[in-house]
Amino acid sequence: MVVESHAVEMRGVTKRFPGVLANDAVDFDLRQGEVHALLGENGAGKSTLVNILTGLYRPDSGAILVRGTPVSFHSPRDAIRHGIGMVHQHFMLVPTQTATENILLGLSEPRFWMALSRYNQVIADLGEQFGLTVDPGVKIWQLSVGEQQRVEILKMLYRGAQVLILDEPTAVLAPQEVEELFKTVRSMAQGGKSVVFISHKLHEVLSIADRITVLRKGKVTASGLNTAGTSKAELARLMVGREVLFHLEKKQRTPGDVVLSVEGVQALNDKGLPALRGVSLTVRSGEIVGLVGVAGNGQAELAEVITGLRRLTSGSIRLHGEVVVQERETRRDDFLVRRIIDSGVAHIPEDRTHVGTAPNLSVTDNLIMKAYRQPPVSHGWSINASVARSRAESLRSEYDIMTPSVETPVRHLSGGNLQRVILAREISARPRLMVAMQPARGLDVGAIEGVRRLLLEQREEGAAILLVSEELEELMELSDRMYVLYAGEVMGEVRQADAATIGLMMTGTRLADLSVSVGTKP
């Protein structure tokens, strides 16, 4: 039940960075015992606002009140002292330490001697109280993503947090884990805690939130909307300032020749354990083939094998009928990757920051990474700076990359604009095969529409696309065919199937073992 007293109020909060007004006189209020969703496009000012609320930034002007008392935070420690904690999208845990050790890390107590068994019991009891089941004595690297998230939440609860800020909490969770998280969030709200829920998934926001505040370009466009009576379409319009199409028209077309052929591929993961177990699939020109599976079932390793970033231990990869990767491959990785790129392969990696871009280099440098060896960008042994800049300006305009300058380091860009840089670079190379890993993850509804439209345009132009996503709805809407992966094996190939059937395959049931007809192979 929502209680009208305010846990937190932010009044007229303004924050500027060089060339950017991130928050423009923002008002935000969070009531005790409610779940309040904070929405906005990438770069709308959400992160800045919560970073101010958690003590990472100080506002240029405005006020923060906690339970009616004005406060001034100089660090996250100050925010924690006032009962405000944040669970970041990218977890801040030490993999080699246990759950309990991570939760106690940085606290003044215990100081010299840790009675680990006693603290394990305290953490276990806390987890049971809030429905956050986790083994306190297990090391972080041994836990699933969902369990690691529970540790992050327990870390805040152990520190006495009454206000929890959850930043994109469902981005890396399986559907079952999302439902468990929602149960926990509802339980915390019913117990009097307040939750700020930041997400781009509008159906989840409408399911979990009591009220919604929307930011656009640093300003509030809707303050404290009641979820009841609010639609996805209305929220999307408030976020991006226009109508957003949630379902794009996919034209019927007949696929062409086989572009990618994966034959009996086996590979190991980073721990040296089997990740792919005899995977075979094909992708033809002019079609989108979806790869379905819960995170950690071999999708990432398969994409890396196809793009030359991971060695296979058995099998082969063919492009246009020619073997480009095989078991006895002896060339150095950089030569292998270059050969695959020269074969017309584009790669939209899952990790935009460390794999997809060079964070400290400029937008221009990142946009020419596939063209710097070729004229007119290449000029002998040097780069023609004016041509490179002109190319970057053209792509910036075509792909609507919002940046103060093409010389801005890409580390300063929002997630959506960083993805636009990657898409601009990869698509402008006119690929024959595109391997797209989670291309819309973490993006706002407007950016998602743009990414999906670009993928369909590439399909129309005859590119073969292997689409890897954990959004089943997205895969079912965009894909012409789908392969379902479980524990590194293909459970089956489907053209049309309901979510329940695919869900059974995602959890290890082979298509051949299902009695329901879900389509036929080509």
Protein backbone atom coordinates (compact mmCIF):
# COMPACT_ATOMS: atom_id res chain seq x y z
CA MET A 1 0.00 0.00 0.00
CA VAL A 2 1.38 3.39 -0.99
CA VAL A 3 1.96 5.76 1.90
CA GLU A 4 1.80 9.45 1.05
CA SER A 5 4.85 10.53 3.12
CA HIS A 6 7.91 11.27 0.98
CA ALA A 7 11.05 9.20 1.31
CA VAL A 8 12.99 11.48 -1.07
CA GLU A 9 12.31 14.77 -2.82
CA MET A 10 14.50 16.44 -5.46
CA ARG A 11 13.54 20.05 -6.19
CA GLY A 12 14.81 22.08 -9.14
CA VAL A 13 17.93 19.93 -9.59
CA THR A 14 20.20 21.24 -12.33
CA LYS A 15 23.50 19.73 -13.49
CA ARG A 16 25.71 20.90 -16.33
CA PHE A 17 28.68 19.30 -18.04
CA PRO A 18 30.81 20.95 -20.74
CA GLY A 19 28.47 21.51 -23.67
CA VAL A 20 25.61 19.56 -22.06
CA LEU A 21 22.72 20.52 -19.76
CA ALA A 22 22.10 17.05 -18.29
CA ASN A 23 19.39 17.98 -15.77
CA ASP A 24 17.32 21.14 -16.20
CA ALA A 25 15.45 22.10 -13.00
CA VAL A 26 14.25 18.54 -12.42
CA ASP A 27 11.64 17.78 -9.74
CA PHE A 28 11.30 14.19 -8.55
CA ASP A 29 9.54 12.78 -5.51
CA LEU A 30 9.59 9.25 -4.16
CA ARG A 31 6.98 8.16 -1.64
CA GLN A 32 7.53 5.67 1.12
CA GLY A 33 6.50 2.16 0.14
CA GLU A 34 6.20 2.73 -3.61
CA VAL A 35 7.93 1.59 -6.78
CA HIS A 36 8.58 4.68 -8.92
CA ALA A 37 9.81 4.13 -12.48
CA LEU A 38 12.22 6.63 -14.06
CA LEU A 39 12.04 6.61 -17.85
CA GLY A 40 13.81 8.44 -20.65
CA GLU A 41 15.85 8.02 -23.79
CA ASN A 42 19.54 7.26 -23.58
CA GLY A 43 21.10 10.60 -22.70
CA ALA A 44 17.86 12.03 -21.26
CA GLY A 45 19.48 12.64 -17.86
CA LYS A 46 18.35 9.62 -15.81
CA SER A 47 21.85 8.47 -14.88
CA THR A 48 22.91 11.98 -13.92
CA LEU A 49 19.86 12.40 -11.70
CA VAL A 50 20.38 9.15 -9.78
CA ASN A 51 24.13 9.79 -9.58
CA ILE A 52 23.27 13.04 -7.79
CA LEU A 53 20.86 11.20 -5.51
CA THR A 54 23.54 8.62 -4.63
CA GLY A 55 26.33 11.14 -4.00
CA LEU A 56 28.44 10.51 -7.10
CA TYR A 57 27.72 14.00 -8.47
CA ARG A 58 26.83 17.26 -6.75
CA PRO A 59 24.08 19.38 -8.34
CA ASP A 60 24.86 22.87 -9.62
CA SER A 61 21.60 24.02 -8.06
CA GLY A 62 18.49 22.60 -6.46
CA ALA A 63 17.77 20.70 -3.26
CA ILE A 64 17.51 17.11 -2.01
CA LEU A 65 15.30 16.23 0.95
CA VAL A 66 15.32 12.86 2.70
CA ARG A 67 12.20 12.30 4.82
CA GLY A 68 11.61 16.06 4.76
CA THR A 69 15.13 17.08 5.85
CA PRO A 70 17.47 18.91 3.42
CA VAL A 71 20.70 16.97 2.82
CA SER A 72 23.96 17.46 0.94
CA PHE A 73 25.86 14.42 -0.27
CA HIS A 74 29.61 14.50 -0.90
CA SER A 75 30.02 10.79 -1.64
CA PRO A 76 28.02 7.55 -1.99
CA ARG A 77 28.92 6.85 1.65
CA ASP A 78 26.89 9.93 2.64
CA ALA A 79 23.93 8.66 0.63
CA ILE A 80 24.14 5.24 2.27
CA ARG A 81 24.18 6.87 5.71
CA HIS A 82 20.85 8.44 4.77
CA GLY A 83 19.48 5.10 3.62
CA ILE A 84 19.90 5.48 -0.18
CA GLY A 85 21.61 2.69 -2.11
CA MET A 86 21.97 1.79 -5.78
CA VAL A 87 22.25 -1.52 -7.59
CA HIS A 88 24.07 -0.79 -10.85
CA GLN A 89 23.36 -2.50 -14.15
CA HIS A 90 26.95 -3.74 -14.23
CA PHE A 91 27.55 -5.49 -10.94
CA MET A 92 30.37 -4.31 -8.67
CA LEU A 93 31.39 -7.61 -7.11
CA VAL A 94 34.72 -9.38 -6.54
CA PRO A 95 34.38 -12.72 -8.38
CA THR A 96 36.87 -14.63 -6.21
CA GLN A 97 35.20 -13.71 -2.92
CA THR A 98 32.06 -15.22 -1.40
CA ALA A 99 28.68 -13.55 -1.29
CA THR A 100 29.12 -12.71 2.40
CA GLU A 101 32.62 -11.31 1.88
CA ASN A 102 31.33 -9.06 -0.93
CA ILE A 103 28.48 -7.82 1.24
CA LEU A 104 30.82 -6.95 4.13
CA LEU A 105 33.51 -5.43 1.90
CA GLY A 106 34.20 -1.78 2.75
CA LEU A 107 32.40 -1.78 6.11
CA SER A 108 34.11 -0.76 9.32
CA GLU A 109 32.82 -3.88 11.08
CA PRO A 110 34.13 -6.53 11.38
CA ARG A 111 37.51 -4.85 11.61
CA PHE A 112 40.18 -7.43 12.51
CA TRP A 113 38.50 -10.81 12.85
CA MET A 114 35.57 -12.17 10.87
CA ALA A 115 33.43 -14.93 12.32
CA LEU A 116 32.41 -15.99 8.82
CA SER A 117 29.94 -18.67 9.87
CA ARG A 118 28.02 -16.15 12.00
CA TYR A 119 27.89 -13.57 9.22
CA ASN A 120 26.87 -16.25 6.71
CA GLN A 121 23.84 -16.93 8.90
CA VAL A 122 23.02 -13.23 9.17
CA ILE A 123 23.12 -12.87 5.38
CA ALA A 124 21.07 -16.05 4.91
CA ASP A 125 18.41 -14.73 7.30
CA LEU A 126 18.33 -11.38 5.50
CA GLY A 127 17.93 -13.14 2.17
CA GLU A 128 15.08 -15.27 3.50
CA GLN A 129 13.33 -12.17 4.86
CA PHE A 130 13.24 -10.51 1.42
CA GLY A 131 13.00 -13.58 -0.80
CA LEU A 132 16.59 -13.19 -2.01
CA THR A 133 17.79 -16.77 -1.75
CA VAL A 134 21.54 -17.17 -2.21
CA ASP A 135 24.22 -19.36 -0.65
CA PRO A 136 26.33 -16.90 1.40
CA GLY A 137 29.42 -19.09 1.29
CA VAL A 138 29.57 -19.54 -2.50
CA LYS A 139 32.05 -17.48 -4.52
CA ILE A 140 30.58 -14.91 -6.90
CA TRP A 141 31.93 -16.53 -10.06
CA GLN A 142 30.00 -19.68 -9.19
CA LEU A 143 26.66 -17.84 -9.05
CA SER A 144 24.24 -17.20 -11.89
CA VAL A 145 23.63 -13.63 -13.06
CA GLY A 146 20.35 -13.54 -11.17
CA GLU A 147 22.02 -14.72 -7.97
CA GLN A 148 24.76 -12.11 -8.35
CA GLN A 149 22.08 -9.45 -8.60
CA ARG A 150 20.56 -10.73 -5.35
CA VAL A 151 23.96 -10.29 -3.69
CA GLU A 152 24.07 -6.67 -4.89
CA ILE A 153 20.60 -6.00 -3.44
CA LEU A 154 21.50 -7.75 -0.16
CA LYS A 155 24.63 -5.58 0.03
CA MET A 156 22.43 -2.47 0.05
CA LEU A 157 19.85 -3.93 2.44
CA TYR A 158 22.59 -4.99 4.87
CA ARG A 159 23.76 -1.38 4.93
CA GLY A 160 20.28 -0.29 5.96
CA ALA A 161 19.04 1.11 2.66
CA GLN A 162 15.44 2.33 2.80
CA VAL A 163 15.58 3.65 -0.77
CA LEU A 164 16.85 1.27 -3.48
CA ILE A 165 17.69 2.46 -6.98
CA LEU A 166 17.64 -0.39 -9.50
CA ASP A 167 19.36 0.52 -12.79
CA GLU A 168 18.17 -1.67 -15.70
CA PRO A 169 17.76 -4.60 -13.28
CA THR A 170 16.23 -7.00 -15.82
CA ALA A 171 18.69 -6.40 -18.68
CA VAL A 172 20.61 -9.64 -18.09
CA LEU A 173 17.92 -11.80 -16.50
CA ALA A 174 15.98 -14.73 -17.90
CA PRO A 175 12.15 -14.41 -17.84
CA GLN A 176 11.89 -16.64 -14.75
CA GLU A 177 14.50 -14.53 -12.95
CA VAL A 178 12.60 -11.34 -13.84
CA GLU A 179 9.48 -12.66 -12.16
CA GLU A 180 11.48 -13.58 -9.04
CA LEU A 181 12.98 -10.09 -8.97
CA PHE A 182 9.53 -8.52 -9.25
CA LYS A 183 8.32 -10.59 -6.29
CA THR A 184 11.25 -9.26 -4.28
CA VAL A 185 10.61 -5.65 -5.33
CA ARG A 186 6.93 -5.90 -4.41
CA SER A 187 7.84 -7.48 -1.07
CA MET A 188 10.28 -4.65 -0.27
CA ALA A 189 7.70 -1.99 -1.17
CA GLN A 190 5.06 -3.67 0.97
CA GLY A 191 7.58 -3.66 3.82
CA GLY A 192 7.89 0.13 3.59
CA LYS A 193 10.99 0.48 1.44
CA SER A 194 10.96 2.71 -1.65
CA VAL A 195 12.29 1.63 -5.04
CA VAL A 196 13.38 3.70 -8.04
CA PHE A 197 13.08 1.41 -11.05
CA ILE A 198 15.04 2.47 -14.16
CA SER A 199 14.23 0.51 -17.30
CA HIS A 200 13.60 0.81 -21.04
CA LYS A 201 11.18 -2.13 -21.03
CA LEU A 202 7.83 -0.43 -20.93
CA HIS A 203 5.78 -3.57 -20.34
CA GLU A 204 7.85 -4.28 -17.23
CA VAL A 205 7.46 -0.72 -16.01
CA LEU A 206 3.68 -0.92 -16.37
CA SER A 207 3.73 -4.24 -14.51
CA ILE A 208 5.86 -3.24 -11.50
CA ALA A 209 5.61 0.53 -10.98
CA ASP A 210 3.07 2.51 -8.96
CA ARG A 211 4.03 5.84 -10.55
CA ILE A 212 6.22 6.96 -13.45
CA THR A 213 8.37 10.03 -14.12
CA VAL A 214 9.65 10.66 -17.65
CA LEU A 215 12.69 12.72 -18.69
CA ARG A 216 13.46 14.03 -22.17
CA LYS A 217 16.60 16.03 -22.93
CA GLY A 218 17.14 16.76 -19.26
CA LYS A 219 13.62 18.00 -18.55
CA VAL A 220 10.64 16.34 -16.92
CA THR A 221 7.87 15.63 -19.45
CA ALA A 222 5.66 13.70 -17.02
CA SER A 223 5.90 13.78 -13.24
CA GLY A 224 4.50 11.01 -11.05
CA LEU A 225 2.08 9.52 -13.58
CA ASN A 226 -0.15 6.84 -12.12
CA THR A 227 0.51 3.57 -13.92
CA ALA A 228 -3.19 2.77 -14.13
CA GLY A 229 -4.57 4.26 -17.31
CA THR A 230 -1.14 4.80 -18.89
CA SER A 231 -0.18 2.94 -22.08
CA LYS A 232 3.10 1.93 -23.70
CA ALA A 233 2.32 4.22 -26.63
CA GLU A 234 1.80 7.23 -24.34
CA LEU A 235 5.00 6.55 -22.40
CA ALA A 236 6.97 6.18 -25.62
CA ARG A 237 5.62 9.48 -26.93
CA LEU A 238 6.58 11.23 -23.69
CA MET A 239 10.10 9.76 -23.92
CA VAL A 240 10.95 10.55 -27.53
CA GLY A 241 8.49 13.31 -28.46
CA ARG A 242 6.84 11.40 -31.31
CA GLU A 243 4.79 8.30 -32.01
CA VAL A 244 6.86 5.10 -31.83
CA LEU A 245 6.12 1.99 -33.91
CA PHE A 246 6.39 -1.12 -31.75
CA HIS A 247 5.75 -3.49 -34.66
CA LEU A 248 7.48 -2.89 -37.98
CA GLU A 249 6.31 -4.34 -41.26
CA LYS A 250 8.55 -7.15 -42.51
CA LYS A 251 8.20 -7.69 -46.25
CA GLN A 252 7.90 -11.20 -47.62
CA ARG A 253 10.94 -12.25 -49.59
CA THR A 254 12.59 -15.45 -50.76
CA PRO A 255 16.04 -16.01 -49.21
CA GLY A 256 18.98 -16.39 -51.57
CA ASP A 257 22.10 -18.52 -51.40
CA VAL A 258 23.66 -19.75 -48.17
CA VAL A 259 26.09 -17.12 -46.91
CA LEU A 260 27.04 -18.62 -43.54
CA SER A 261 27.35 -22.32 -42.84
CA VAL A 262 28.31 -23.50 -39.35
CA GLU A 263 29.21 -27.18 -39.40
CA GLY A 264 29.60 -29.29 -36.24
CA VAL A 265 31.31 -26.52 -34.30
CA GLN A 266 32.69 -27.19 -30.84
CA ALA A 267 34.45 -24.59 -28.69
CA LEU A 268 35.45 -23.90 -25.11
CA ASN A 269 34.41 -21.00 -22.90
CA ASP A 270 36.77 -18.73 -20.95
CA LYS A 271 36.97 -21.30 -18.13
CA GLY A 272 38.14 -24.01 -20.52
CA LEU A 273 34.81 -25.86 -20.36
CA PRO A 274 32.72 -26.93 -23.38
CA ALA A 275 30.54 -24.07 -24.58
CA LEU A 276 29.51 -25.33 -28.03
CA ARG A 277 28.76 -29.01 -28.65
CA GLY A 278 28.46 -29.77 -32.35
CA VAL A 279 26.47 -26.69 -33.44
CA SER A 280 25.32 -26.60 -37.06
CA LEU A 281 23.21 -23.91 -38.75
CA THR A 282 22.90 -21.87 -41.93
CA VAL A 283 22.03 -18.28 -42.77
CA ARG A 284 21.00 -17.25 -46.30
CA SER A 285 21.16 -13.89 -47.99
CA GLY A 286 18.10 -11.74 -47.40
CA GLU A 287 16.97 -13.44 -44.21
CA ILE A 288 17.23 -12.89 -40.48
CA VAL A 289 17.99 -16.02 -38.48
CA GLY A 290 17.41 -15.71 -34.75
CA LEU A 291 19.49 -17.49 -32.14
CA VAL A 292 17.32 -18.13 -29.07
CA GLY A 293 18.53 -19.06 -25.62
CA VAL A 294 18.94 -17.98 -22.03
CA ALA A 295 22.24 -16.13 -21.47
CA GLY A 296 25.21 -18.44 -21.01
CA ASN A 297 24.12 -21.25 -23.33
CA GLY A 298 26.74 -20.68 -26.01
CA GLN A 299 25.36 -17.76 -28.02
CA ALA A 300 28.28 -15.44 -27.21
CA GLU A 301 30.89 -18.11 -27.94
CA LEU A 302 29.25 -18.95 -31.28
CA ALA A 303 29.28 -15.30 -32.35
CA GLU A 304 32.95 -15.06 -31.37
CA VAL A 305 33.84 -18.21 -33.32
CA ILE A 306 32.09 -16.89 -36.45
CA THR A 307 33.85 -13.51 -36.22
CA GLY A 308 37.29 -15.00 -35.47
CA LEU A 309 37.48 -13.86 -31.84
CA ARG A 310 37.44 -17.40 -30.40
CA ARG A 311 39.10 -20.61 -31.58
CA LEU A 312 36.97 -23.62 -32.32
CA THR A 313 38.13 -27.10 -31.27
CA SER A 314 36.18 -28.99 -33.92
CA GLY A 315 34.09 -28.28 -37.01
CA SER A 316 34.29 -25.43 -39.51
CA ILE A 317 32.80 -22.08 -40.58
CA ARG A 318 32.05 -21.46 -44.25
CA LEU A 319 31.34 -18.09 -45.83
CA HIS A 320 29.92 -18.16 -49.36
CA GLY A 321 30.91 -21.83 -49.53
CA GLU A 322 34.56 -21.25 -48.64
CA VAL A 323 36.04 -22.49 -45.36
CA VAL A 324 37.33 -19.48 -43.41
CA VAL A 325 37.64 -21.01 -39.93
CA GLN A 326 38.45 -24.61 -39.14
CA GLU A 327 39.89 -26.84 -36.44
CA ARG A 328 43.46 -26.69 -37.74
CA GLU A 329 43.52 -22.91 -38.14
CA THR A 330 47.08 -21.78 -37.38
CA ARG A 331 47.09 -18.13 -38.38
CA ARG A 332 47.33 -15.47 -35.73
CA ASP A 333 44.03 -14.09 -34.49
CA ASP A 334 44.49 -10.67 -36.06
CA PHE A 335 45.02 -12.21 -39.52
CA LEU A 336 41.97 -14.43 -39.04
CA VAL A 337 39.77 -11.50 -38.01
CA ARG A 338 41.03 -9.43 -40.94
CA ARG A 339 40.27 -12.28 -43.35
CA ILE A 340 36.73 -12.57 -41.97
CA ILE A 341 36.18 -8.81 -42.22
CA ASP A 342 37.45 -8.87 -45.82
CA SER A 343 34.88 -11.61 -46.51
CA GLY A 344 32.15 -9.06 -45.84
CA VAL A 345 31.29 -9.86 -42.22
CA ALA A 346 29.95 -7.15 -39.90
CA HIS A 347 29.88 -7.64 -36.13
CA ILE A 348 27.71 -5.82 -33.61
CA PRO A 349 29.24 -7.12 -30.36
CA GLU A 350 27.46 -7.54 -27.06
CA ASP A 351 30.11 -5.46 -25.24
CA ARG A 352 29.92 -2.06 -26.91
CA THR A 353 32.55 -0.40 -24.74
CA HIS A 354 35.44 -2.87 -24.68
CA VAL A 355 34.90 -4.84 -27.90
CA GLY A 356 32.74 -2.68 -30.14
CA THR A 357 34.62 0.58 -29.68
CA ALA A 358 37.89 2.08 -28.50
CA PRO A 359 36.58 4.32 -25.66
CA ASN A 360 39.44 6.83 -25.61
CA LEU A 361 39.44 7.39 -29.37
CA SER A 362 37.21 9.90 -31.10
CA VAL A 363 33.94 9.27 -32.90
CA THR A 364 35.84 9.75 -36.17
CA ASP A 365 38.50 7.17 -35.29
CA ASN A 366 35.86 4.64 -34.30
CA LEU A 367 33.83 5.21 -37.46
CA ILE A 368 36.78 4.59 -39.80
CA MET A 369 38.08 1.46 -38.09
CA LYS A 370 37.01 -0.72 -41.03
CA ALA A 371 38.04 1.75 -43.71
CA TYR A 372 41.34 3.20 -42.54
CA ARG A 373 43.39 0.81 -44.71
CA GLN A 374 41.53 1.70 -47.89
CA PRO A 375 41.47 4.82 -50.05
CA PRO A 376 40.24 7.51 -49.90
CA VAL A 377 40.56 7.34 -46.08
CA SER A 378 43.96 5.74 -46.44
CA HIS A 379 46.66 7.89 -48.03
CA GLY A 380 49.71 5.68 -48.43
CA TRP A 381 50.89 4.88 -44.91
CA SER A 382 48.87 7.69 -43.38
CA ILE A 383 45.23 8.62 -42.92
CA ASN A 384 43.71 11.49 -44.84
CA ALA A 385 42.32 13.43 -41.86
CA SER A 386 39.98 15.64 -43.88
CA VAL A 387 38.43 12.64 -45.69
CA ALA A 388 38.10 10.75 -42.40
CA ARG A 389 36.37 13.70 -40.76
CA SER A 390 34.08 14.22 -43.75
CA ARG A 391 33.12 10.55 -43.68
CA ALA A 392 32.44 10.75 -39.94
CA GLU A 393 30.28 13.88 -40.34
CA SER A 394 28.27 12.16 -43.06
CA LEU A 395 27.66 9.04 -40.94
CA ARG A 396 26.89 11.20 -37.91
CA SER A 397 24.10 12.88 -39.84
CA GLU A 398 22.80 9.72 -41.53
CA TYR A 399 22.60 7.69 -38.31
CA ASP A 400 21.57 10.59 -36.05
CA ILE A 401 24.55 10.23 -33.69
CA MET A 402 24.13 12.85 -30.98
CA THR A 403 27.60 14.12 -30.09
CA PRO A 404 29.02 17.63 -29.58
CA SER A 405 31.68 16.87 -32.18
CA VAL A 406 33.03 13.96 -34.23
CA GLU A 407 36.27 14.52 -32.31
CA THR A 408 34.56 13.72 -28.99
CA PRO A 409 35.89 10.51 -27.36
CA VAL A 410 33.18 7.84 -27.61
CA ARG A 411 33.42 7.15 -23.87
CA HIS A 412 31.39 10.35 -23.40
CA LEU A 413 28.46 9.08 -25.50
CA SER A 414 25.29 7.54 -24.12
CA GLY A 415 24.59 3.87 -24.72
CA GLY A 416 22.20 4.58 -27.57
CA ASN A 417 24.62 6.88 -29.38
CA LEU A 418 27.48 4.45 -28.84
CA GLN A 419 25.37 1.76 -30.51
CA ARG A 420 24.63 4.14 -33.40
CA VAL A 421 28.40 4.59 -33.91
CA ILE A 422 28.85 0.82 -34.13
CA LEU A 423 25.89 0.37 -36.48
CA ALA A 424 27.06 3.22 -38.71
CA ARG A 425 30.55 1.73 -39.00
CA GLU A 426 29.37 -1.83 -39.64
CA ILE A 427 26.48 -1.09 -42.02
CA SER A 428 28.40 1.50 -44.06
CA ALA A 429 30.83 -1.29 -44.98
CA ARG A 430 27.90 -2.90 -46.89
CA PRO A 431 28.22 -6.33 -45.22
CA ARG A 432 27.15 -9.61 -46.79
CA LEU A 433 26.80 -11.18 -43.33
CA MET A 434 25.94 -9.38 -40.11
CA VAL A 435 26.34 -11.01 -36.70
CA ALA A 436 24.23 -8.88 -34.35
CA MET A 437 24.64 -9.59 -30.63
CA GLN A 438 21.95 -8.00 -28.42
CA PRO A 439 21.73 -4.97 -30.77
CA ALA A 440 18.87 -3.34 -28.85
CA ARG A 441 19.86 -4.24 -25.27
CA GLY A 442 19.59 -1.32 -22.88
CA LEU A 443 18.26 1.07 -25.52
CA ASP A 444 15.18 3.23 -25.24
CA VAL A 445 12.06 2.60 -27.30
CA GLY A 446 13.00 5.15 -29.97
CA ALA A 447 16.48 3.71 -30.40
CA ILE A 448 15.09 0.15 -30.45
CA GLU A 449 12.74 1.09 -33.29
CA GLY A 450 15.71 2.54 -35.19
CA VAL A 451 17.89 -0.55 -34.70
CA ARG A 452 15.11 -2.90 -35.83
CA ARG A 453 14.42 -0.75 -38.86
CA LEU A 454 18.11 -0.84 -39.84
CA LEU A 455 18.20 -4.64 -39.52
CA LEU A 456 15.13 -5.01 -41.74
CA GLU A 457 16.64 -2.60 -44.29
CA GLN A 458 19.79 -4.72 -44.42
CA ARG A 459 17.62 -7.81 -44.93
CA GLU A 460 15.88 -6.07 -47.86
CA GLU A 461 19.26 -5.25 -49.40
CA GLY A 462 20.21 -8.93 -49.33
CA ALA A 463 22.43 -9.19 -46.27
CA ALA A 464 22.39 -12.39 -44.23
CA ILE A 465 21.78 -11.61 -40.56
CA LEU A 466 22.37 -13.79 -37.52
CA LEU A 467 20.47 -12.08 -34.71
CA VAL A 468 21.28 -13.01 -31.11
CA SER A 469 18.93 -11.63 -28.50
CA GLU A 470 17.47 -12.54 -25.14
CA GLU A 471 14.25 -10.70 -26.02
CA LEU A 472 12.04 -13.52 -27.31
CA GLU A 473 9.40 -11.10 -28.59
CA GLU A 474 12.04 -9.31 -30.67
CA LEU A 475 13.35 -12.56 -32.15
CA MET A 476 9.87 -13.81 -33.01
CA GLU A 477 8.99 -10.53 -34.70
CA LEU A 478 12.15 -10.06 -36.78
CA SER A 479 13.37 -13.58 -37.56
CA ASP A 480 12.51 -15.65 -40.62
CA ARG A 481 13.85 -18.75 -38.86
CA MET A 482 15.14 -19.46 -35.36
CA TYR A 483 17.56 -21.93 -33.79
CA VAL A 484 17.21 -22.63 -30.08
CA LEU A 485 20.40 -23.22 -28.08
CA TYR A 486 20.63 -24.97 -24.74
CA ALA A 487 23.91 -25.91 -23.02
CA GLY A 488 25.78 -25.37 -26.28
CA GLU A 489 23.54 -27.64 -28.37
CA VAL A 490 20.88 -26.86 -30.95
CA MET A 491 17.50 -28.03 -29.62
CA GLY A 492 15.84 -27.46 -32.96
CA GLU A 493 15.05 -25.08 -35.80
CA VAL A 494 11.65 -23.39 -36.02
CA ARG A 495 9.88 -20.97 -38.33
CA GLN A 496 6.79 -20.22 -36.31
CA ALA A 497 6.14 -21.25 -32.73
CA ASP A 498 4.43 -19.95 -29.65
CA ALA A 499 6.45 -18.61 -26.73
CA ALA A 500 5.55 -21.57 -24.51
CA THR A 501 6.96 -24.09 -27.00
CA ILE A 502 10.16 -22.12 -27.49
CA GLY A 503 10.40 -21.75 -23.71
CA LEU A 504 10.42 -25.55 -23.35
CA MET A 505 13.23 -25.76 -25.92
CA MET A 506 15.16 -23.01 -24.11
CA THR A 507 15.14 -25.18 -20.97
CA GLY A 508 16.47 -28.31 -22.68
CA THR A 509 13.62 -30.06 -24.50
CA ARG A 510 14.46 -30.97 -28.08
CA LEU A 511 12.03 -30.09 -30.85
CA ALA A 512 11.92 -33.73 -31.87
CA ASP A 513 10.64 -34.64 -28.41
CA LEU A 514 7.74 -32.18 -28.52
CA SER A 515 4.39 -33.39 -29.79
CA VAL A 516 3.28 -29.88 -30.80
CA SER A 517 3.86 -28.93 -34.42
CA VAL A 518 5.88 -25.72 -34.52
CA GLY A 519 6.82 -25.41 -38.14
CA THR A 520 9.03 -27.33 -40.52
CA LYS A 521 12.58 -27.01 -41.66
CA PRO A 522 13.30 -25.61 -45.06
